[in-house]
Protein backbone atom coordinates (compact mmCIF):
# COMPACT_ATOMS: atom_id res chain seq x y z
CA MET A 1 0.00 0.05 -0.06
CA THR A 2 1.50 3.32 -1.14
CA GLU A 3 1.87 6.47 1.48
CA GLN A 4 -0.99 8.04 -0.60
CA ASN A 5 -3.39 5.10 -0.06
CA GLN A 6 -2.56 4.80 3.48
CA LYS A 7 -3.45 8.61 4.04
CA GLN A 8 -6.64 8.22 1.90
CA LEU A 9 -7.65 5.12 4.11
CA GLY A 10 -6.80 6.98 7.43
CA ASN A 11 -8.87 9.96 6.30
CA THR A 12 -11.78 7.67 5.28
CA LEU A 13 -11.72 5.63 8.67
CA TRP A 14 -11.43 9.03 10.65
CA ALA A 15 -14.72 10.43 8.79
CA ILE A 16 -16.39 7.13 9.44
CA ALA A 17 -15.53 7.30 13.20
CA ASP A 18 -16.63 10.91 13.28
CA GLN A 19 -20.02 9.76 11.80
CA LEU A 20 -20.43 7.07 14.26
CA ARG A 21 -19.72 9.01 17.24
CA GLY A 22 -22.34 11.64 16.35
CA ALA A 23 -22.75 14.13 19.27
CA MET A 24 -20.74 12.04 21.56
CA ASP A 25 -17.35 13.71 22.94
CA ALA A 26 -14.35 12.31 21.24
CA ASP A 27 -12.67 11.25 24.34
CA ASP A 28 -15.68 9.24 25.61
CA PHE A 29 -15.99 7.73 22.00
CA ARG A 30 -12.32 6.82 22.14
CA ASP A 31 -12.87 4.91 25.47
CA TYR A 32 -15.67 2.93 24.17
CA MET A 33 -13.78 2.00 21.02
CA LEU A 34 -10.58 0.95 22.90
CA SER A 35 -12.65 -1.23 25.06
CA PHE A 36 -14.23 -2.90 22.05
CA LEU A 37 -10.80 -3.34 20.25
CA PHE A 38 -9.36 -4.83 23.57
CA LEU A 39 -12.20 -7.18 23.82
CA ARG A 40 -12.04 -8.18 20.06
CA TYR A 41 -8.26 -8.70 20.67
CA LEU A 42 -8.83 -11.03 23.83
CA SER A 43 -11.79 -12.91 22.14
CA TYR A 44 -9.85 -13.67 19.00
CA ASN A 45 -6.69 -14.87 21.16
CA TYR A 46 -8.83 -16.89 23.39
CA GLU A 47 -10.88 -18.52 20.46
CA MET A 48 -7.66 -19.48 18.87
CA ALA A 49 -6.15 -20.96 21.87
CA ALA A 50 -9.44 -22.80 22.59
CA LYS A 51 -9.31 -24.07 18.95
CA ARG A 52 -5.79 -25.54 19.52
CA GLU A 53 -6.69 -27.06 22.91
CA LEU A 54 -9.85 -28.60 21.59
CA GLY A 55 -8.26 -29.77 18.43
CA SER A 56 -10.78 -32.15 16.43
CA ASP A 57 -13.36 -31.57 19.27
CA TYR A 58 -13.70 -27.71 18.26
CA PRO A 59 -17.10 -27.36 16.55
CA LYS A 60 -16.95 -27.01 12.76
CA LEU A 61 -20.02 -25.19 11.83
CA ALA A 62 -21.43 -24.48 8.31
CA ASP A 63 -20.79 -21.17 6.74
CA ASP A 64 -24.43 -20.23 7.04
CA ASP A 65 -24.62 -21.25 10.58
CA SER A 66 -24.52 -17.90 12.78
CA ARG A 67 -23.82 -19.73 16.10
CA VAL A 68 -20.50 -19.35 18.03
CA PRO A 69 -18.38 -22.40 17.85
CA MET A 70 -17.49 -21.99 21.51
CA ALA A 71 -21.18 -21.59 22.58
CA VAL A 72 -21.95 -24.92 20.83
CA TRP A 73 -19.01 -26.65 22.44
CA TYR A 74 -20.08 -25.43 25.95
CA ALA A 75 -23.86 -26.53 25.33
CA ASP A 76 -22.60 -30.07 24.21
CA ASN A 77 -19.84 -30.57 26.92
CA ALA A 78 -21.19 -29.14 30.09
CA ALA A 79 -19.52 -31.55 32.25
CA ASP A 80 -16.13 -30.71 30.74
CA VAL A 81 -16.46 -26.94 31.02
CA PRO A 82 -14.83 -26.63 34.42
CA ALA A 83 -11.66 -28.62 33.45
CA PHE A 84 -11.53 -26.75 30.15
CA GLU A 85 -11.64 -23.36 31.77
CA LYS A 86 -9.02 -24.54 34.24
CA GLN A 87 -6.74 -25.34 31.35
CA MET A 88 -7.36 -22.32 29.49
CA ARG A 89 -6.52 -20.16 32.68
CA ARG A 90 -3.17 -22.19 32.66
CA LYS A 91 -2.50 -21.61 29.18
CA VAL A 92 -3.92 -18.06 28.19
CA HIS A 93 -4.42 -16.91 31.96
CA TYR A 94 -8.03 -15.90 31.32
CA VAL A 95 -11.48 -17.20 30.37
CA ILE A 96 -14.11 -15.60 28.56
CA GLU A 97 -17.51 -16.99 28.48
CA PRO A 98 -19.04 -17.81 24.95
CA ARG A 99 -21.86 -15.16 25.29
CA HIS A 100 -19.19 -12.55 26.02
CA LEU A 101 -16.87 -13.33 23.12
CA TRP A 102 -16.66 -10.71 20.25
CA SER A 103 -18.38 -13.02 17.89
CA SER A 104 -21.25 -13.39 20.27
CA ILE A 105 -21.74 -9.71 20.73
CA ALA A 106 -21.45 -9.21 16.83
CA ASN A 107 -24.35 -11.91 16.35
CA MET A 108 -26.50 -10.02 18.82
CA ALA A 109 -25.93 -6.97 16.87
CA ARG A 110 -26.93 -8.37 13.71
């Protein structure tokens, strides 16, 4: 990407952010957006670690299936959830319940 394209992309993204925040103060908007970005980052890392941990047990959903794979796994393996979460705390040092994952929030927004 050329420097000109980067500047144009930056300007476009900034204009979109201004439209999204509306009358909200820019500092308040930044706080919300940073929180969302952080949640997105943590969710992605958690889901990738869970996928590695579960291996072939990680649910493979069809492209048109809007369910969250971790929610499906939790529902199908309720007895194994405590052991899984204990292992995830050891490996990634945190646990995010499926309903709080970014993909779940995005599905609710749709």
